[in-house]
Amino acid sequence: VMVSDGPHGLRKQETMEDHIGLGKSVKAICFPSASALACSFDRDLLYHLGTALGDECQAEN
């Protein structure tokens, strides 16, 4: 099990060396914050964002 905080997208470290999370994160998409997305009231947009985030998680599994 891998746990890391990525409140606006996936954040995965390449190694355990960088405890701050600045140096060796795997490149990923940074999505808008949840509060900004909620202001859109666009459920279709949120569905597609969830799909994209799921695809990214699967690719980095």
PDB file of N, CA and C in Angstrom:
ATOM      1  N   VAL A   1       0.847  -1.168   0.000  1.00  0.00           N
ATOM      2  CA  VAL A   1       0.000   0.000   0.000  1.00  0.00           C
ATOM      3  C   VAL A   1       0.892   1.230   0.000  1.00  0.00           C
ATOM      4  N   MET A   2       0.589   2.168  -0.906  1.00  0.00           N
ATOM      5  CA  MET A   2       1.332   3.428  -0.959  1.00  0.00           C
ATOM      6  C   MET A   2       0.384   4.555  -0.589  1.00  0.00           C
ATOM      7  N   VAL A   3       0.825   5.422   0.305  1.00  0.00           N
ATOM      8  CA  VAL A   3       0.019   6.559   0.711  1.00  0.00           C
ATOM      9  C   VAL A   3       0.843   7.830   0.533  1.00  0.00           C
ATOM     10  N   SER A   4       0.290   8.818  -0.132  1.00  0.00           N
ATOM     11  CA  SER A   4       0.915  10.144  -0.235  1.00  0.00           C
ATOM     12  C   SER A   4      -0.188  11.148  -0.503  1.00  0.00           C
ATOM     13  N   ASP A   5       0.062  12.382  -0.087  1.00  0.00           N
ATOM     14  CA  ASP A   5      -0.976  13.390  -0.268  1.00  0.00           C
ATOM     15  C   ASP A   5      -0.864  14.018  -1.645  1.00  0.00           C
ATOM     16  N   GLY A   6      -1.949  14.081  -2.320  1.00  0.00           N
ATOM     17  CA  GLY A   6      -2.014  14.720  -3.625  1.00  0.00           C
ATOM     18  C   GLY A   6      -3.397  15.312  -3.781  1.00  0.00           C
ATOM     19  N   PRO A   7      -3.692  16.398  -3.070  1.00  0.00           N
ATOM     20  CA  PRO A   7      -5.067  16.890  -3.021  1.00  0.00           C
ATOM     21  C   PRO A   7      -5.632  17.363  -4.360  1.00  0.00           C
ATOM     22  N   HIS A   8      -4.785  17.631  -5.327  1.00  0.00           N
ATOM     23  CA  HIS A   8      -5.265  18.126  -6.620  1.00  0.00           C
ATOM     24  C   HIS A   8      -4.783  17.240  -7.752  1.00  0.00           C
ATOM     25  N   GLY A   9      -4.578  15.961  -7.461  1.00  0.00           N
ATOM     26  CA  GLY A   9      -4.112  15.013  -8.461  1.00  0.00           C
ATOM     27  C   GLY A   9      -3.227  13.961  -7.817  1.00  0.00           C
ATOM     28  N   LEU A  10      -2.646  13.148  -8.625  1.00  0.00           N
ATOM     29  CA  LEU A  10      -1.785  12.068  -8.159  1.00  0.00           C
ATOM     30  C   LEU A  10      -0.412  12.622  -7.798  1.00  0.00           C
ATOM     31  N   ARG A  11       0.137  12.204  -6.655  1.00  0.00           N
ATOM     32  CA  ARG A  11       1.525  12.534  -6.322  1.00  0.00           C
ATOM     33  C   ARG A  11       2.214  11.248  -5.903  1.00  0.00           C
ATOM     34  N   LYS A  12       3.173  10.837  -6.676  1.00  0.00           N
ATOM     35  CA  LYS A  12       3.893   9.601  -6.415  1.00  0.00           C
ATOM     36  C   LYS A  12       5.382   9.900  -6.419  1.00  0.00           C
ATOM     37  N   GLN A  13       6.066   9.446  -5.387  1.00  0.00           N
ATOM     38  CA  GLN A  13       7.506   9.634  -5.298  1.00  0.00           C
ATOM     39  C   GLN A  13       8.220   8.485  -6.009  1.00  0.00           C
ATOM     40  N   GLU A  14       9.298   8.803  -6.728  1.00  0.00           N
ATOM     41  CA  GLU A  14      10.095   7.759  -7.368  1.00  0.00           C
ATOM     42  C   GLU A  14      10.850   6.946  -6.331  1.00  0.00           C
ATOM     43  N   THR A  15      11.358   7.604  -5.295  1.00  0.00           N
ATOM     44  CA  THR A  15      12.098   6.922  -4.235  1.00  0.00           C
ATOM     45  C   THR A  15      11.628   7.452  -2.897  1.00  0.00           C
ATOM     46  N   MET A  16      12.081   6.822  -1.853  1.00  0.00           N
ATOM     47  CA  MET A  16      11.711   7.252  -0.507  1.00  0.00           C
ATOM     48  C   MET A  16      12.712   8.264   0.053  1.00  0.00           C
ATOM     49  N   GLU A  17      13.678   8.697  -0.739  1.00  0.00           N
ATOM     50  CA  GLU A  17      14.725   9.588  -0.259  1.00  0.00           C
ATOM     51  C   GLU A  17      14.215  10.980   0.092  1.00  0.00           C
ATOM     52  N   ASP A  18      13.299  11.498  -0.656  1.00  0.00           N
ATOM     53  CA  ASP A  18      12.855  12.879  -0.498  1.00  0.00           C
ATOM     54  C   ASP A  18      11.609  12.928   0.374  1.00  0.00           C
ATOM     55  N   HIS A  19      11.781  13.170   1.657  1.00  0.00           N
ATOM     56  CA  HIS A  19      10.639  13.170   2.572  1.00  0.00           C
ATOM     57  C   HIS A  19       9.757  14.408   2.427  1.00  0.00           C
ATOM     58  N   ILE A  20      10.274  15.468   1.794  1.00  0.00           N
ATOM     59  CA  ILE A  20       9.486  16.686   1.610  1.00  0.00           C
ATOM     60  C   ILE A  20       8.589  16.567   0.380  1.00  0.00           C
ATOM     61  N   GLY A  21       9.002  15.790  -0.596  1.00  0.00           N
ATOM     62  CA  GLY A  21       8.191  15.604  -1.791  1.00  0.00           C
ATOM     63  C   GLY A  21       8.456  16.607  -2.888  1.00  0.00           C
ATOM     64  N   LEU A  22       9.610  17.258  -2.850  1.00  0.00           N
ATOM     65  CA  LEU A  22       9.894  18.276  -3.852  1.00  0.00           C
ATOM     66  C   LEU A  22      10.772  17.780  -4.987  1.00  0.00           C
ATOM     67  N   GLY A  23      11.624  16.805  -4.721  1.00  0.00           N
ATOM     68  CA  GLY A  23      12.656  16.474  -5.689  1.00  0.00           C
ATOM     69  C   GLY A  23      12.338  15.423  -6.713  1.00  0.00           C
ATOM     70  N   LYS A  24      11.697  14.351  -6.333  1.00  0.00           N
ATOM     71  CA  LYS A  24      11.609  13.228  -7.247  1.00  0.00           C
ATOM     72  C   LYS A  24      10.188  12.725  -7.437  1.00  0.00           C
ATOM     73  N   SER A  25       9.248  13.619  -7.540  1.00  0.00           N
ATOM     74  CA  SER A  25       7.874  13.201  -7.818  1.00  0.00           C
ATOM     75  C   SER A  25       7.744  12.813  -9.283  1.00  0.00           C
ATOM     76  N   VAL A  26       6.943  11.792  -9.541  1.00  0.00           N
ATOM     77  CA  VAL A  26       6.637  11.386 -10.907  1.00  0.00           C
ATOM     78  C   VAL A  26       5.777  12.489 -11.526  1.00  0.00           C
ATOM     79  N   LYS A  27       6.044  12.858 -12.771  1.00  0.00           N
ATOM     80  CA  LYS A  27       5.245  13.899 -13.428  1.00  0.00           C
ATOM     81  C   LYS A  27       3.788  13.469 -13.507  1.00  0.00           C
ATOM     82  N   ALA A  28       2.904  14.409 -13.215  1.00  0.00           N
ATOM     83  CA  ALA A  28       1.479  14.111 -13.189  1.00  0.00           C
ATOM     84  C   ALA A  28       0.688  15.378 -13.489  1.00  0.00           C
ATOM     85  N   ILE A  29      -0.593  15.185 -13.755  1.00  0.00           N
ATOM     86  CA  ILE A  29      -1.496  16.306 -13.996  1.00  0.00           C
ATOM     87  C   ILE A  29      -1.891  16.920 -12.656  1.00  0.00           C
ATOM     88  N   CYS A  30      -1.938  18.224 -12.592  1.00  0.00           N
ATOM     89  CA  CYS A  30      -2.457  18.930 -11.417  1.00  0.00           C
ATOM     90  C   CYS A  30      -3.840  19.460 -11.786  1.00  0.00           C
ATOM     91  N   PHE A  31      -4.855  18.922 -11.148  1.00  0.00           N
ATOM     92  CA  PHE A  31      -6.228  19.315 -11.428  1.00  0.00           C
ATOM     93  C   PHE A  31      -6.609  20.529 -10.585  1.00  0.00           C
ATOM     94  N   PRO A  32      -7.644  21.269 -10.983  1.00  0.00           N
ATOM     95  CA  PRO A  32      -8.132  22.374 -10.144  1.00  0.00           C
ATOM     96  C   PRO A  32      -8.600  21.846  -8.789  1.00  0.00           C
ATOM     97  N   SER A  33      -8.613  22.708  -7.798  1.00  0.00           N
ATOM     98  CA  SER A  33      -9.037  22.295  -6.459  1.00  0.00           C
ATOM     99  C   SER A  33     -10.504  21.862  -6.469  1.00  0.00           C
ATOM    100  N   ALA A  34     -10.847  21.031  -5.493  1.00  0.00           N
ATOM    101  CA  ALA A  34     -12.218  20.521  -5.409  1.00  0.00           C
ATOM    102  C   ALA A  34     -13.228  21.654  -5.235  1.00  0.00           C
ATOM    103  N   SER A  35     -12.874  22.678  -4.454  1.00  0.00           N
ATOM    104  CA  SER A  35     -13.816  23.788  -4.253  1.00  0.00           C
ATOM    105  C   SER A  35     -14.052  24.562  -5.553  1.00  0.00           C
ATOM    106  N   ALA A  36     -13.019  24.729  -6.371  1.00  0.00           N
ATOM    107  CA  ALA A  36     -13.189  25.409  -7.661  1.00  0.00           C
ATOM    108  C   ALA A  36     -14.031  24.563  -8.608  1.00  0.00           C
ATOM    109  N   LEU A  37     -13.809  23.259  -8.617  1.00  0.00           N
ATOM    110  CA  LEU A  37     -14.595  22.372  -9.478  1.00  0.00           C
ATOM    111  C   LEU A  37     -16.064  22.370  -9.068  1.00  0.00           C
ATOM    112  N   ALA A  38     -16.322  22.395  -7.769  1.00  0.00           N
ATOM    113  CA  ALA A  38     -17.704  22.396  -7.288  1.00  0.00           C
ATOM    114  C   ALA A  38     -18.450  23.645  -7.745  1.00  0.00           C
ATOM    115  N   CYS A  39     -17.745  24.746  -7.870  1.00  0.00           N
ATOM    116  CA  CYS A  39     -18.375  25.997  -8.315  1.00  0.00           C
ATOM    117  C   CYS A  39     -18.863  25.920  -9.757  1.00  0.00           C
ATOM    118  N   SER A  40     -18.359  24.951 -10.514  1.00  0.00           N
ATOM    119  CA  SER A  40     -18.785  24.832 -11.912  1.00  0.00           C
ATOM    120  C   SER A  40     -20.188  24.229 -12.029  1.00  0.00           C
ATOM    121  N   PHE A  41     -20.618  23.461 -11.035  1.00  0.00           N
ATOM    122  CA  PHE A  41     -21.901  22.757 -11.061  1.00  0.00           C
ATOM    123  C   PHE A  41     -22.036  21.883 -12.310  1.00  0.00           C
ATOM    124  N   ASP A  42     -20.921  21.442 -12.855  1.00  0.00           N
ATOM    125  CA  ASP A  42     -20.908  20.664 -14.099  1.00  0.00           C
ATOM    126  C   ASP A  42     -20.567  19.208 -13.774  1.00  0.00           C
ATOM    127  N   ARG A  43     -21.584  18.392 -13.609  1.00  0.00           N
ATOM    128  CA  ARG A  43     -21.372  16.990 -13.236  1.00  0.00           C
ATOM    129  C   ARG A  43     -20.630  16.215 -14.313  1.00  0.00           C
ATOM    130  N   ASP A  44     -20.859  16.555 -15.573  1.00  0.00           N
ATOM    131  CA  ASP A  44     -20.163  15.882 -16.669  1.00  0.00           C
ATOM    132  C   ASP A  44     -18.660  16.174 -16.598  1.00  0.00           C
ATOM    133  N   LEU A  45     -18.308  17.411 -16.323  1.00  0.00           N
ATOM    134  CA  LEU A  45     -16.902  17.791 -16.165  1.00  0.00           C
ATOM    135  C   LEU A  45     -16.257  17.002 -15.026  1.00  0.00           C
ATOM    136  N   LEU A  46     -16.956  16.907 -13.898  1.00  0.00           N
ATOM    137  CA  LEU A  46     -16.423  16.173 -12.752  1.00  0.00           C
ATOM    138  C   LEU A  46     -16.275  14.691 -13.062  1.00  0.00           C
ATOM    139  N   TYR A  47     -17.206  14.134 -13.819  1.00  0.00           N
ATOM    140  CA  TYR A  47     -17.099  12.732 -14.224  1.00  0.00           C
ATOM    141  C   TYR A  47     -15.833  12.520 -15.058  1.00  0.00           C
ATOM    142  N   HIS A  48     -15.599  13.397 -16.027  1.00  0.00           N
ATOM    143  CA  HIS A  48     -14.415  13.264 -16.885  1.00  0.00           C
ATOM    144  C   HIS A  48     -13.121  13.481 -16.093  1.00  0.00           C
ATOM    145  N   LEU A  49     -13.147  14.383 -15.127  1.00  0.00           N
ATOM    146  CA  LEU A  49     -11.981  14.576 -14.276  1.00  0.00           C
ATOM    147  C   LEU A  49     -11.702  13.307 -13.467  1.00  0.00           C
ATOM    148  N   GLY A  50     -12.738  12.717 -12.912  1.00  0.00           N
ATOM    149  CA  GLY A  50     -12.569  11.471 -12.166  1.00  0.00           C
ATOM    150  C   GLY A  50     -12.029  10.351 -13.033  1.00  0.00           C
ATOM    151  N   THR A  51     -12.502  10.279 -14.264  1.00  0.00           N
ATOM    152  CA  THR A  51     -11.998   9.275 -15.204  1.00  0.00           C
ATOM    153  C   THR A  51     -10.515   9.507 -15.495  1.00  0.00           C
ATOM    154  N   ALA A  52     -10.142  10.765 -15.729  1.00  0.00           N
ATOM    155  CA  ALA A  52      -8.736  11.091 -16.011  1.00  0.00           C
ATOM    156  C   ALA A  52      -7.846  10.777 -14.812  1.00  0.00           C
ATOM    157  N   LEU A  53      -8.314  11.089 -13.610  1.00  0.00           N
ATOM    158  CA  LEU A  53      -7.538  10.796 -12.410  1.00  0.00           C
ATOM    159  C   LEU A  53      -7.395   9.288 -12.220  1.00  0.00           C
ATOM    160  N   GLY A  54      -8.463   8.544 -12.462  1.00  0.00           N
ATOM    161  CA  GLY A  54      -8.394   7.086 -12.378  1.00  0.00           C
ATOM    162  C   GLY A  54      -7.441   6.494 -13.396  1.00  0.00           C
ATOM    163  N   ASP A  55      -7.470   7.021 -14.617  1.00  0.00           N
ATOM    164  CA  ASP A  55      -6.545   6.549 -15.657  1.00  0.00           C
ATOM    165  C   ASP A  55      -5.099   6.807 -15.253  1.00  0.00           C
ATOM    166  N   GLU A  56      -4.846   7.974 -14.674  1.00  0.00           N
ATOM    167  CA  GLU A  56      -3.487   8.311 -14.249  1.00  0.00           C
ATOM    168  C   GLU A  56      -3.028   7.394 -13.115  1.00  0.00           C
ATOM    169  N   CYS A  57      -3.917   7.105 -12.186  1.00  0.00           N
ATOM    170  CA  CYS A  57      -3.576   6.185 -11.095  1.00  0.00           C
ATOM    171  C   CYS A  57      -3.259   4.796 -11.633  1.00  0.00           C
ATOM    172  N   GLN A  58      -4.053   4.319 -12.575  1.00  0.00           N
ATOM    173  CA  GLN A  58      -3.802   3.008 -13.169  1.00  0.00           C
ATOM    174  C   GLN A  58      -2.466   2.980 -13.908  1.00  0.00           C
ATOM    175  N   ALA A  59      -2.122   4.062 -14.589  1.00  0.00           N
ATOM    176  CA  ALA A  59      -0.865   4.116 -15.341  1.00  0.00           C
ATOM    177  C   ALA A  59       0.344   4.100 -14.413  1.00  0.00           C
ATOM    178  N   GLU A  60       0.202   4.626 -13.208  1.00  0.00           N
ATOM    179  CA  GLU A  60       1.320   4.696 -12.259  1.00  0.00           C
ATOM    180  C   GLU A  60       1.264   3.599 -11.207  1.00  0.00           C
ATOM    181  N   ASN A  61       0.382   2.637 -11.370  1.00  0.00           N
ATOM    182  CA  ASN A  61       0.234   1.564 -10.395  1.00  0.00           C
ATOM    183  C   ASN A  61       1.452   0.692 -10.359  1.00  0.00           C
TER     184      ASN A  61
END
